[in-house]
């Protein structure tokens, strides 16, 4: 986790205490160190086709801005061989990027949450979630396809989002994806297909 998401330094794990694998910073050096540790951890057990996924609790809870240091950190992880960077902390979806044909999810949003009903953040549509159904080449780690299935949360229950909600998410992701050359295409079944250049 990263302190950018509100993770406290007191939560850091140590040799004698369970806790969070807290990142000191989001520098490229830290990204290289983390990727190296992940490779070493799996080196004896990794099977053909196994992929490394970095899941990072980072960034603010609300808002669409992605800090430059997060982008550089994610890029470095990809350059170090990580197949997918799975970012989470925001209570709503954020932009996606395909960097060197590998997927970066800067903020997946909540799938189920106890934040339902918190006022003041309605414009972010935290009641909408996405299922990320990704197909990754097991040899190269490169993204083959990504289908995003919009869901609606209500009373700790998920159901498929309406066409209008799915289109709202499609438009949002297209706007957020402009700096990353990604967009989504709305499908008749209300799912969204990720497209990238």
N, C-alpha and C. Protein backbone atom coordinates (compact mmCIF):
# COMPACT_ATOMS: atom_id res chain seq x y z
N UNK A 1 0.81 -1.18 0.00
CA UNK A 1 0.00 0.00 0.00
C UNK A 1 0.86 1.25 0.00
N UNK A 2 0.23 2.35 -0.28
CA UNK A 2 0.92 3.63 -0.34
C UNK A 2 0.25 4.62 0.59
N UNK A 3 1.05 5.48 1.19
CA UNK A 3 0.49 6.51 2.07
C UNK A 3 -0.37 7.49 1.28
N UNK A 4 -0.27 7.50 -0.06
CA UNK A 4 -1.12 8.38 -0.86
C UNK A 4 -2.59 8.01 -0.74
N UNK A 5 -2.88 6.81 -0.24
CA UNK A 5 -4.27 6.36 -0.08
C UNK A 5 -4.75 6.49 1.36
N UNK A 6 -3.92 7.03 2.22
CA UNK A 6 -4.31 7.17 3.61
C UNK A 6 -3.82 6.04 4.50
N UNK A 7 -3.05 5.11 3.94
CA UNK A 7 -2.48 4.03 4.75
C UNK A 7 -1.47 4.65 5.72
N UNK A 8 -1.63 4.34 6.98
CA UNK A 8 -0.75 4.91 8.01
C UNK A 8 0.56 4.14 8.09
N UNK A 9 1.65 4.84 8.39
CA UNK A 9 2.95 4.19 8.50
C UNK A 9 2.96 3.17 9.64
N UNK A 10 2.11 3.38 10.65
CA UNK A 10 2.05 2.43 11.77
C UNK A 10 1.52 1.06 11.34
N UNK A 11 0.91 0.99 10.19
CA UNK A 11 0.35 -0.28 9.70
C UNK A 11 1.40 -1.14 8.99
N UNK A 12 2.63 -0.62 8.87
CA UNK A 12 3.69 -1.33 8.15
C UNK A 12 4.00 -2.68 8.82
N UNK A 13 4.12 -3.71 8.00
CA UNK A 13 4.51 -5.03 8.50
C UNK A 13 6.00 -5.01 8.84
N UNK A 14 6.39 -5.87 9.76
CA UNK A 14 7.81 -6.03 10.09
C UNK A 14 8.09 -7.53 10.23
N UNK A 15 9.32 -7.85 10.56
CA UNK A 15 9.68 -9.25 10.75
C UNK A 15 8.95 -9.87 11.94
N UNK A 16 8.50 -9.03 12.86
CA UNK A 16 7.85 -9.54 14.07
C UNK A 16 6.37 -9.19 14.17
N UNK A 17 5.84 -8.48 13.17
CA UNK A 17 4.45 -8.03 13.26
C UNK A 17 3.79 -8.05 11.89
N UNK A 18 2.59 -8.59 11.86
CA UNK A 18 1.82 -8.59 10.61
C UNK A 18 1.39 -7.16 10.29
N UNK A 19 1.16 -6.90 9.03
CA UNK A 19 0.73 -5.57 8.63
C UNK A 19 0.74 -5.42 7.12
N UNK A 20 0.86 -4.20 6.69
CA UNK A 20 0.79 -3.84 5.27
C UNK A 20 2.20 -3.77 4.69
N UNK A 21 2.35 -4.23 3.46
CA UNK A 21 3.60 -4.04 2.73
C UNK A 21 3.59 -2.59 2.24
N UNK A 22 4.04 -1.70 3.10
CA UNK A 22 3.95 -0.26 2.84
C UNK A 22 5.12 0.21 1.99
N UNK A 23 4.79 0.93 0.93
CA UNK A 23 5.81 1.50 0.06
C UNK A 23 6.29 2.82 0.65
N UNK A 24 7.60 3.01 0.68
CA UNK A 24 8.15 4.27 1.19
C UNK A 24 7.82 5.43 0.27
N UNK A 25 7.77 5.15 -1.02
CA UNK A 25 7.48 6.18 -2.02
C UNK A 25 7.04 5.47 -3.29
N UNK A 26 6.71 6.25 -4.29
CA UNK A 26 6.33 5.69 -5.59
C UNK A 26 7.38 6.03 -6.64
N UNK A 27 8.64 5.89 -6.25
CA UNK A 27 9.74 6.18 -7.18
C UNK A 27 9.96 4.98 -8.11
N UNK A 28 10.66 5.24 -9.20
CA UNK A 28 10.98 4.16 -10.12
C UNK A 28 11.91 3.13 -9.46
N UNK A 29 12.76 3.59 -8.54
CA UNK A 29 13.64 2.67 -7.83
C UNK A 29 12.83 1.72 -6.95
N UNK A 30 11.82 2.25 -6.28
CA UNK A 30 10.96 1.40 -5.46
C UNK A 30 10.21 0.40 -6.33
N UNK A 31 9.74 0.85 -7.50
CA UNK A 31 9.04 -0.06 -8.42
C UNK A 31 9.96 -1.20 -8.85
N UNK A 32 11.21 -0.89 -9.16
CA UNK A 32 12.16 -1.93 -9.55
C UNK A 32 12.40 -2.90 -8.41
N UNK A 33 12.53 -2.36 -7.19
CA UNK A 33 12.76 -3.21 -6.02
C UNK A 33 11.57 -4.14 -5.78
N UNK A 34 10.35 -3.61 -5.90
CA UNK A 34 9.14 -4.40 -5.69
C UNK A 34 9.04 -5.50 -6.75
N UNK A 35 9.27 -5.15 -8.01
CA UNK A 35 9.20 -6.14 -9.09
C UNK A 35 10.24 -7.23 -8.88
N UNK A 36 11.45 -6.84 -8.45
CA UNK A 36 12.50 -7.82 -8.19
C UNK A 36 12.10 -8.75 -7.05
N UNK A 37 11.54 -8.19 -5.99
CA UNK A 37 11.09 -9.01 -4.85
C UNK A 37 9.98 -9.97 -5.28
N UNK A 38 9.07 -9.51 -6.14
CA UNK A 38 8.00 -10.38 -6.62
C UNK A 38 8.57 -11.53 -7.45
N UNK A 39 9.55 -11.24 -8.28
CA UNK A 39 10.18 -12.29 -9.10
C UNK A 39 10.91 -13.29 -8.21
N UNK A 40 11.63 -12.80 -7.20
CA UNK A 40 12.36 -13.69 -6.30
C UNK A 40 11.40 -14.56 -5.49
N UNK A 41 10.29 -13.99 -5.06
CA UNK A 41 9.31 -14.71 -4.25
C UNK A 41 8.72 -15.88 -5.03
N UNK A 42 8.57 -15.71 -6.33
CA UNK A 42 7.93 -16.75 -7.14
C UNK A 42 8.91 -17.58 -7.95
N UNK A 43 10.20 -17.28 -7.88
CA UNK A 43 11.17 -17.89 -8.79
C UNK A 43 11.18 -19.41 -8.73
N UNK A 44 11.06 -20.00 -7.58
CA UNK A 44 11.10 -21.45 -7.48
C UNK A 44 9.78 -22.12 -7.81
N UNK A 45 8.70 -21.39 -7.68
CA UNK A 45 7.37 -21.98 -7.84
C UNK A 45 6.68 -21.59 -9.13
N UNK A 46 7.23 -20.65 -9.87
CA UNK A 46 6.52 -20.15 -11.04
C UNK A 46 6.45 -21.22 -12.12
N UNK A 47 5.26 -21.39 -12.66
CA UNK A 47 5.00 -22.35 -13.72
C UNK A 47 4.89 -21.61 -15.04
N UNK A 48 5.05 -22.33 -16.11
CA UNK A 48 4.89 -21.74 -17.44
C UNK A 48 3.50 -21.12 -17.53
N UNK A 49 3.44 -19.88 -17.97
CA UNK A 49 2.16 -19.19 -18.10
C UNK A 49 1.74 -18.40 -16.87
N UNK A 50 2.46 -18.54 -15.74
CA UNK A 50 2.14 -17.73 -14.57
C UNK A 50 2.50 -16.27 -14.85
N UNK A 51 1.68 -15.38 -14.36
CA UNK A 51 1.89 -13.95 -14.58
C UNK A 51 1.98 -13.23 -13.25
N UNK A 52 2.76 -12.17 -13.20
CA UNK A 52 2.87 -11.36 -12.00
C UNK A 52 1.91 -10.18 -12.09
N UNK A 53 1.12 -10.01 -11.04
CA UNK A 53 0.16 -8.91 -10.95
C UNK A 53 0.48 -8.12 -9.69
N UNK A 54 0.71 -6.82 -9.85
CA UNK A 54 0.96 -5.95 -8.71
C UNK A 54 -0.36 -5.27 -8.34
N UNK A 55 -0.82 -5.51 -7.12
CA UNK A 55 -2.06 -4.90 -6.62
C UNK A 55 -1.68 -3.87 -5.58
N UNK A 56 -2.01 -2.60 -5.85
CA UNK A 56 -1.52 -1.50 -5.02
C UNK A 56 -2.68 -0.64 -4.54
N UNK A 57 -2.78 -0.46 -3.23
CA UNK A 57 -3.76 0.45 -2.64
C UNK A 57 -3.11 1.83 -2.64
N UNK A 58 -3.57 2.70 -3.58
CA UNK A 58 -2.91 4.00 -3.74
C UNK A 58 -3.90 5.06 -4.17
N UNK A 59 -3.50 6.29 -4.03
CA UNK A 59 -4.30 7.42 -4.51
C UNK A 59 -5.47 7.77 -3.60
N UNK A 60 -6.10 8.86 -3.95
CA UNK A 60 -7.20 9.38 -3.12
C UNK A 60 -8.46 8.54 -3.30
N UNK A 61 -9.39 8.71 -2.36
CA UNK A 61 -10.66 7.99 -2.43
C UNK A 61 -11.59 8.56 -3.48
N UNK A 62 -11.52 9.86 -3.74
CA UNK A 62 -12.45 10.52 -4.65
C UNK A 62 -11.68 11.41 -5.61
N UNK A 63 -12.11 11.46 -6.84
CA UNK A 63 -11.49 12.32 -7.85
C UNK A 63 -10.87 11.49 -8.95
N UNK A 64 -10.70 12.12 -10.10
CA UNK A 64 -10.21 11.41 -11.28
C UNK A 64 -8.74 11.65 -11.57
N UNK A 65 -8.12 12.57 -10.85
CA UNK A 65 -6.72 12.89 -11.11
C UNK A 65 -5.83 11.71 -10.74
N UNK A 66 -4.88 11.44 -11.62
CA UNK A 66 -3.87 10.41 -11.36
C UNK A 66 -2.53 11.12 -11.29
N UNK A 67 -1.87 10.99 -10.15
CA UNK A 67 -0.60 11.67 -9.94
C UNK A 67 0.47 11.14 -10.89
N UNK A 68 1.32 12.03 -11.36
CA UNK A 68 2.40 11.63 -12.27
C UNK A 68 3.26 10.53 -11.66
N UNK A 69 3.50 10.59 -10.36
CA UNK A 69 4.35 9.56 -9.75
C UNK A 69 3.68 8.18 -9.82
N UNK A 70 2.35 8.13 -9.77
CA UNK A 70 1.65 6.85 -9.93
C UNK A 70 1.85 6.31 -11.34
N UNK A 71 1.74 7.19 -12.32
CA UNK A 71 1.90 6.78 -13.72
C UNK A 71 3.31 6.24 -13.95
N UNK A 72 4.32 6.97 -13.47
CA UNK A 72 5.71 6.55 -13.66
C UNK A 72 5.99 5.24 -12.91
N UNK A 73 5.41 5.10 -11.72
CA UNK A 73 5.58 3.88 -10.93
C UNK A 73 4.98 2.69 -11.69
N UNK A 74 3.76 2.86 -12.20
CA UNK A 74 3.10 1.78 -12.94
C UNK A 74 3.89 1.43 -14.20
N UNK A 75 4.37 2.43 -14.91
CA UNK A 75 5.16 2.18 -16.12
C UNK A 75 6.41 1.37 -15.78
N UNK A 76 7.06 1.74 -14.70
CA UNK A 76 8.29 1.03 -14.31
C UNK A 76 7.99 -0.42 -13.96
N UNK A 77 6.88 -0.66 -13.25
CA UNK A 77 6.50 -2.04 -12.93
C UNK A 77 6.32 -2.86 -14.21
N UNK A 78 5.65 -2.27 -15.19
CA UNK A 78 5.45 -2.95 -16.48
C UNK A 78 6.79 -3.22 -17.15
N UNK A 79 7.67 -2.23 -17.15
CA UNK A 79 9.00 -2.40 -17.76
C UNK A 79 9.80 -3.49 -17.06
N UNK A 80 9.50 -3.72 -15.79
CA UNK A 80 10.18 -4.75 -15.00
C UNK A 80 9.53 -6.13 -15.14
N UNK A 81 8.50 -6.23 -15.98
CA UNK A 81 7.91 -7.54 -16.26
C UNK A 81 6.59 -7.85 -15.59
N UNK A 82 6.01 -6.89 -14.88
CA UNK A 82 4.70 -7.11 -14.27
C UNK A 82 3.66 -7.11 -15.39
N UNK A 83 2.73 -8.08 -15.37
CA UNK A 83 1.75 -8.21 -16.45
C UNK A 83 0.58 -7.24 -16.29
N UNK A 84 0.12 -7.07 -15.05
CA UNK A 84 -1.02 -6.19 -14.78
C UNK A 84 -0.73 -5.39 -13.52
N UNK A 85 -1.00 -4.09 -13.58
CA UNK A 85 -0.96 -3.25 -12.38
C UNK A 85 -2.41 -2.98 -12.00
N UNK A 86 -2.78 -3.48 -10.83
CA UNK A 86 -4.16 -3.38 -10.32
C UNK A 86 -4.19 -2.34 -9.22
N UNK A 87 -4.60 -1.13 -9.56
CA UNK A 87 -4.67 -0.05 -8.58
C UNK A 87 -6.05 0.04 -7.97
N UNK A 88 -6.07 0.29 -6.68
CA UNK A 88 -7.35 0.44 -5.98
C UNK A 88 -7.19 1.37 -4.80
N UNK A 89 -8.23 2.05 -4.46
CA UNK A 89 -8.42 2.93 -3.31
C UNK A 89 -9.62 3.80 -3.57
N UNK A 90 -9.73 4.30 -4.82
CA UNK A 90 -10.85 5.18 -5.16
C UNK A 90 -12.17 4.41 -5.05
N UNK A 91 -13.20 5.12 -4.64
CA UNK A 91 -14.52 4.50 -4.49
C UNK A 91 -15.33 4.58 -5.78
N UNK A 92 -14.66 4.83 -6.88
CA UNK A 92 -15.27 4.91 -8.20
C UNK A 92 -14.18 4.57 -9.22
N UNK A 93 -14.58 4.27 -10.44
CA UNK A 93 -13.59 3.91 -11.45
C UNK A 93 -12.75 5.11 -11.86
N UNK A 94 -11.53 4.80 -12.25
CA UNK A 94 -10.60 5.78 -12.80
C UNK A 94 -10.11 5.28 -14.15
N UNK A 95 -9.22 6.03 -14.75
CA UNK A 95 -8.72 5.71 -16.09
C UNK A 95 -7.98 4.37 -16.12
N UNK A 96 -7.96 3.80 -17.32
CA UNK A 96 -7.18 2.61 -17.61
C UNK A 96 -6.13 2.99 -18.64
N UNK A 97 -5.03 2.27 -18.62
CA UNK A 97 -3.99 2.49 -19.62
C UNK A 97 -3.47 1.14 -20.08
N UNK A 98 -3.09 1.06 -21.33
CA UNK A 98 -2.38 -0.10 -21.84
C UNK A 98 -1.00 0.42 -22.24
N UNK A 99 -0.01 0.06 -21.42
CA UNK A 99 1.36 0.54 -21.60
C UNK A 99 2.21 -0.65 -22.03
N UNK A 100 2.86 -0.53 -23.17
CA UNK A 100 3.66 -1.62 -23.73
C UNK A 100 2.82 -2.90 -23.80
N UNK A 101 1.56 -2.72 -24.18
CA UNK A 101 0.59 -3.82 -24.34
C UNK A 101 0.30 -4.56 -23.04
N UNK A 102 0.46 -3.88 -21.91
CA UNK A 102 0.11 -4.46 -20.61
C UNK A 102 -0.85 -3.52 -19.89
N UNK A 103 -1.75 -4.10 -19.12
CA UNK A 103 -2.87 -3.36 -18.54
C UNK A 103 -2.51 -2.69 -17.22
N UNK A 104 -2.89 -1.42 -17.12
CA UNK A 104 -2.79 -0.67 -15.86
C UNK A 104 -4.18 -0.17 -15.51
N UNK A 105 -4.67 -0.58 -14.35
CA UNK A 105 -5.94 -0.10 -13.81
C UNK A 105 -5.59 0.88 -12.70
N UNK A 106 -5.75 2.16 -12.94
CA UNK A 106 -5.33 3.15 -11.95
C UNK A 106 -6.27 3.21 -10.75
N UNK A 107 -7.50 2.86 -10.94
CA UNK A 107 -8.46 2.83 -9.83
C UNK A 107 -9.67 2.01 -10.24
N UNK A 108 -9.80 0.84 -9.66
CA UNK A 108 -10.89 -0.06 -10.05
C UNK A 108 -12.23 0.34 -9.47
N UNK A 109 -12.23 1.17 -8.45
CA UNK A 109 -13.48 1.48 -7.77
C UNK A 109 -13.87 0.35 -6.84
N UNK A 110 -14.97 0.52 -6.17
CA UNK A 110 -15.46 -0.51 -5.25
C UNK A 110 -16.32 -1.51 -6.01
N UNK A 111 -16.24 -2.75 -5.60
CA UNK A 111 -17.14 -3.76 -6.15
C UNK A 111 -18.32 -3.94 -5.21
N UNK A 112 -18.02 -4.03 -3.94
CA UNK A 112 -19.02 -3.96 -2.87
C UNK A 112 -18.43 -3.05 -1.81
N UNK A 113 -19.25 -2.27 -1.15
CA UNK A 113 -18.71 -1.30 -0.21
C UNK A 113 -19.69 -0.97 0.89
N UNK A 114 -19.15 -0.55 2.00
CA UNK A 114 -20.01 -0.05 3.08
C UNK A 114 -20.09 1.48 3.03
N UNK A 115 -19.60 2.07 1.94
CA UNK A 115 -19.66 3.53 1.77
C UNK A 115 -20.97 3.98 1.12
N UNK A 116 -21.84 3.04 0.82
CA UNK A 116 -23.10 3.37 0.15
C UNK A 116 -23.87 4.40 0.96
N UNK A 117 -24.32 5.43 0.28
CA UNK A 117 -25.13 6.45 0.94
C UNK A 117 -24.37 7.64 1.47
N UNK A 118 -23.04 7.64 1.38
CA UNK A 118 -22.26 8.80 1.83
C UNK A 118 -22.56 9.95 0.87
N UNK A 119 -22.92 11.08 1.43
CA UNK A 119 -23.31 12.21 0.57
C UNK A 119 -22.12 13.10 0.24
N UNK A 120 -22.30 13.87 -0.82
CA UNK A 120 -21.28 14.82 -1.24
C UNK A 120 -20.43 14.34 -2.40
N UNK A 121 -20.56 13.07 -2.78
CA UNK A 121 -19.73 12.51 -3.85
C UNK A 121 -20.56 11.89 -4.96
N UNK A 122 -21.81 12.25 -5.04
CA UNK A 122 -22.74 11.63 -5.99
C UNK A 122 -22.28 11.74 -7.44
N UNK A 123 -21.58 12.82 -7.78
CA UNK A 123 -21.18 13.02 -9.17
C UNK A 123 -20.18 11.96 -9.65
N UNK A 124 -19.53 11.27 -8.72
CA UNK A 124 -18.57 10.23 -9.10
C UNK A 124 -19.24 8.88 -9.37
N UNK A 125 -20.51 8.78 -9.03
CA UNK A 125 -21.28 7.56 -9.26
C UNK A 125 -20.61 6.33 -8.64
N UNK A 126 -20.31 6.42 -7.35
CA UNK A 126 -19.72 5.30 -6.63
C UNK A 126 -20.63 4.10 -6.55
N UNK A 127 -21.89 4.25 -6.97
CA UNK A 127 -22.82 3.11 -6.99
C UNK A 127 -22.63 2.24 -8.23
N UNK A 128 -21.78 2.68 -9.15
CA UNK A 128 -21.50 1.89 -10.35
C UNK A 128 -20.13 1.22 -10.21
N UNK A 129 -20.07 -0.03 -10.57
CA UNK A 129 -18.84 -0.81 -10.49
C UNK A 129 -18.58 -1.46 -11.84
N UNK A 130 -17.39 -1.97 -12.00
CA UNK A 130 -17.04 -2.72 -13.21
C UNK A 130 -16.47 -4.08 -12.84
N UNK A 131 -16.88 -5.10 -13.58
CA UNK A 131 -16.17 -6.37 -13.57
C UNK A 131 -15.17 -6.28 -14.72
N UNK A 132 -13.91 -6.56 -14.42
CA UNK A 132 -12.86 -6.48 -15.42
C UNK A 132 -12.54 -7.91 -15.88
N UNK A 133 -12.98 -8.26 -17.06
CA UNK A 133 -12.74 -9.59 -17.62
C UNK A 133 -11.64 -9.46 -18.66
N UNK A 134 -10.43 -9.85 -18.27
CA UNK A 134 -9.27 -9.62 -19.13
C UNK A 134 -8.72 -10.94 -19.66
N UNK A 135 -8.24 -10.87 -20.87
CA UNK A 135 -7.57 -11.99 -21.52
C UNK A 135 -6.14 -11.54 -21.76
N UNK A 136 -5.21 -12.26 -21.15
CA UNK A 136 -3.79 -11.92 -21.23
C UNK A 136 -3.05 -13.10 -21.84
N UNK A 137 -2.15 -12.83 -22.76
CA UNK A 137 -1.34 -13.89 -23.35
C UNK A 137 -0.44 -14.46 -22.25
N UNK A 138 -0.54 -15.77 -21.96
CA UNK A 138 0.21 -16.33 -20.84
C UNK A 138 1.72 -16.37 -21.07
N UNK A 139 2.15 -16.30 -22.30
CA UNK A 139 3.58 -16.34 -22.58
C UNK A 139 4.23 -14.96 -22.48
N UNK A 140 3.55 -13.96 -23.03
CA UNK A 140 4.14 -12.62 -23.09
C UNK A 140 3.65 -11.68 -22.00
N UNK A 141 2.51 -12.00 -21.38
CA UNK A 141 1.91 -11.09 -20.40
C UNK A 141 1.19 -9.92 -21.03
N UNK A 142 1.10 -9.91 -22.35
CA UNK A 142 0.46 -8.79 -23.04
C UNK A 142 -1.05 -8.95 -23.06
N UNK A 143 -1.72 -7.83 -23.00
CA UNK A 143 -3.18 -7.81 -23.01
C UNK A 143 -3.70 -8.19 -24.39
N UNK A 144 -4.61 -9.15 -24.41
CA UNK A 144 -5.26 -9.56 -25.65
C UNK A 144 -6.59 -8.82 -25.79
N UNK A 145 -7.37 -8.81 -24.71
CA UNK A 145 -8.65 -8.10 -24.73
C UNK A 145 -9.09 -7.82 -23.30
N UNK A 146 -9.98 -6.85 -23.17
CA UNK A 146 -10.56 -6.54 -21.86
C UNK A 146 -12.02 -6.15 -22.08
N UNK A 147 -12.88 -6.90 -21.44
CA UNK A 147 -14.32 -6.62 -21.47
C UNK A 147 -14.70 -6.13 -20.08
N UNK A 148 -15.32 -4.98 -20.01
CA UNK A 148 -15.71 -4.38 -18.75
C UNK A 148 -17.23 -4.49 -18.63
N UNK A 149 -17.69 -5.10 -17.54
CA UNK A 149 -19.12 -5.32 -17.36
C UNK A 149 -19.62 -4.38 -16.27
N UNK A 150 -20.40 -3.36 -16.64
CA UNK A 150 -20.93 -2.41 -15.66
C UNK A 150 -21.95 -3.07 -14.73
N UNK A 151 -21.79 -2.79 -13.45
CA UNK A 151 -22.68 -3.31 -12.42
C UNK A 151 -23.20 -2.13 -11.60
N UNK A 152 -24.35 -2.36 -10.98
CA UNK A 152 -24.94 -1.35 -10.10
C UNK A 152 -25.02 -1.93 -8.70
N UNK A 153 -24.54 -1.17 -7.70
CA UNK A 153 -24.57 -1.59 -6.30
C UNK A 153 -25.75 -0.95 -5.59
N UNK A 154 -26.44 -1.75 -4.83
CA UNK A 154 -27.51 -1.22 -4.00
C UNK A 154 -27.79 -2.20 -2.88
N UNK A 155 -27.70 -1.71 -1.64
CA UNK A 155 -27.96 -2.54 -0.45
C UNK A 155 -27.10 -3.81 -0.44
N UNK A 156 -25.82 -3.64 -0.67
CA UNK A 156 -24.84 -4.73 -0.66
C UNK A 156 -25.17 -5.81 -1.69
N UNK A 157 -25.82 -5.41 -2.77
CA UNK A 157 -26.16 -6.32 -3.84
C UNK A 157 -25.68 -5.74 -5.16
N UNK A 158 -25.24 -6.63 -6.03
CA UNK A 158 -24.82 -6.21 -7.37
C UNK A 158 -25.81 -6.73 -8.39
N UNK A 159 -26.12 -5.88 -9.35
CA UNK A 159 -26.92 -6.31 -10.49
C UNK A 159 -26.37 -5.60 -11.72
N UNK A 160 -26.69 -6.13 -12.88
CA UNK A 160 -26.21 -5.50 -14.11
C UNK A 160 -26.73 -4.08 -14.19
N UNK A 161 -25.87 -3.18 -14.61
CA UNK A 161 -26.25 -1.78 -14.75
C UNK A 161 -27.19 -1.60 -15.94
N UNK A 162 -28.00 -0.59 -15.87
CA UNK A 162 -28.90 -0.26 -16.98
C UNK A 162 -28.07 0.22 -18.17
N UNK A 163 -28.70 0.25 -19.33
CA UNK A 163 -28.01 0.74 -20.53
C UNK A 163 -27.55 2.18 -20.35
N UNK A 164 -28.38 3.00 -19.72
CA UNK A 164 -27.99 4.41 -19.54
C UNK A 164 -26.80 4.53 -18.58
N UNK A 165 -26.76 3.72 -17.52
CA UNK A 165 -25.61 3.75 -16.61
C UNK A 165 -24.36 3.21 -17.30
N UNK A 166 -24.51 2.17 -18.10
CA UNK A 166 -23.36 1.62 -18.83
C UNK A 166 -22.82 2.64 -19.83
N UNK A 167 -23.71 3.36 -20.48
CA UNK A 167 -23.28 4.40 -21.43
C UNK A 167 -22.60 5.55 -20.68
N UNK A 168 -23.09 5.86 -19.48
CA UNK A 168 -22.45 6.91 -18.67
C UNK A 168 -21.01 6.50 -18.37
N UNK A 169 -20.80 5.24 -17.96
CA UNK A 169 -19.45 4.76 -17.68
C UNK A 169 -18.60 4.76 -18.95
N UNK A 170 -19.17 4.37 -20.06
CA UNK A 170 -18.45 4.36 -21.33
C UNK A 170 -17.95 5.77 -21.66
N UNK A 171 -18.83 6.74 -21.56
CA UNK A 171 -18.45 8.13 -21.85
C UNK A 171 -17.39 8.63 -20.87
N UNK A 172 -17.54 8.28 -19.60
CA UNK A 172 -16.56 8.69 -18.59
C UNK A 172 -15.19 8.09 -18.92
N UNK A 173 -15.14 6.79 -19.16
CA UNK A 173 -13.86 6.14 -19.45
C UNK A 173 -13.24 6.67 -20.73
N UNK A 174 -14.06 7.04 -21.70
CA UNK A 174 -13.52 7.62 -22.93
C UNK A 174 -12.88 8.98 -22.66
N UNK A 175 -13.51 9.76 -21.80
CA UNK A 175 -12.94 11.06 -21.44
C UNK A 175 -11.66 10.88 -20.62
N UNK A 176 -11.70 10.01 -19.62
CA UNK A 176 -10.53 9.78 -18.77
C UNK A 176 -9.40 9.12 -19.53
N UNK A 177 -9.72 8.36 -20.56
CA UNK A 177 -8.72 7.62 -21.31
C UNK A 177 -7.97 8.42 -22.36
N UNK A 178 -8.42 9.63 -22.63
CA UNK A 178 -7.77 10.43 -23.69
C UNK A 178 -6.26 10.58 -23.49
N UNK A 179 -5.78 10.93 -22.28
CA UNK A 179 -4.32 11.07 -22.12
C UNK A 179 -3.57 9.74 -22.28
N UNK A 180 -4.28 8.62 -22.17
CA UNK A 180 -3.65 7.30 -22.22
C UNK A 180 -3.94 6.56 -23.53
N UNK A 181 -4.63 7.22 -24.46
CA UNK A 181 -4.98 6.62 -25.76
C UNK A 181 -5.80 5.34 -25.59
N UNK A 182 -6.70 5.35 -24.60
CA UNK A 182 -7.63 4.23 -24.43
C UNK A 182 -9.05 4.74 -24.57
N UNK A 183 -9.92 3.86 -24.99
CA UNK A 183 -11.34 4.18 -25.03
C UNK A 183 -12.12 2.89 -24.89
N UNK A 184 -13.41 3.02 -24.61
CA UNK A 184 -14.27 1.85 -24.52
C UNK A 184 -15.35 1.96 -25.58
N UNK A 185 -15.76 0.80 -26.07
CA UNK A 185 -16.82 0.72 -27.07
C UNK A 185 -18.01 0.03 -26.43
N UNK A 186 -19.16 0.68 -26.49
CA UNK A 186 -20.39 0.15 -25.91
C UNK A 186 -20.90 -1.01 -26.76
N UNK A 187 -21.23 -2.12 -26.11
CA UNK A 187 -21.76 -3.29 -26.80
C UNK A 187 -23.24 -3.45 -26.49
N UNK A 188 -23.94 -4.17 -27.34
CA UNK A 188 -25.39 -4.35 -27.18
C UNK A 188 -25.77 -5.00 -25.86
N UNK A 189 -24.87 -5.80 -25.28
CA UNK A 189 -25.17 -6.46 -24.00
C UNK A 189 -24.84 -5.57 -22.80
N UNK A 190 -24.62 -4.28 -23.06
CA UNK A 190 -24.28 -3.27 -22.03
C UNK A 190 -22.87 -3.43 -21.48
N UNK A 191 -22.05 -4.28 -22.08
CA UNK A 191 -20.65 -4.35 -21.64
C UNK A 191 -19.83 -3.36 -22.46
N UNK A 192 -18.61 -3.13 -22.03
CA UNK A 192 -17.71 -2.18 -22.68
C UNK A 192 -16.45 -2.92 -23.10
N UNK A 193 -16.04 -2.75 -24.33
CA UNK A 193 -14.81 -3.36 -24.81
C UNK A 193 -13.71 -2.29 -24.81
N UNK A 194 -12.60 -2.62 -24.15
CA UNK A 194 -11.48 -1.68 -24.10
C UNK A 194 -10.74 -1.69 -25.43
N UNK A 195 -10.45 -0.50 -25.93
CA UNK A 195 -9.66 -0.35 -27.14
C UNK A 195 -8.47 0.55 -26.82
N UNK A 196 -7.35 0.27 -27.44
CA UNK A 196 -6.14 1.06 -27.18
C UNK A 196 -5.29 1.15 -28.44
N UNK A 197 -4.40 2.15 -28.41
CA UNK A 197 -3.45 2.34 -29.52
C UNK A 197 -2.05 2.18 -29.01
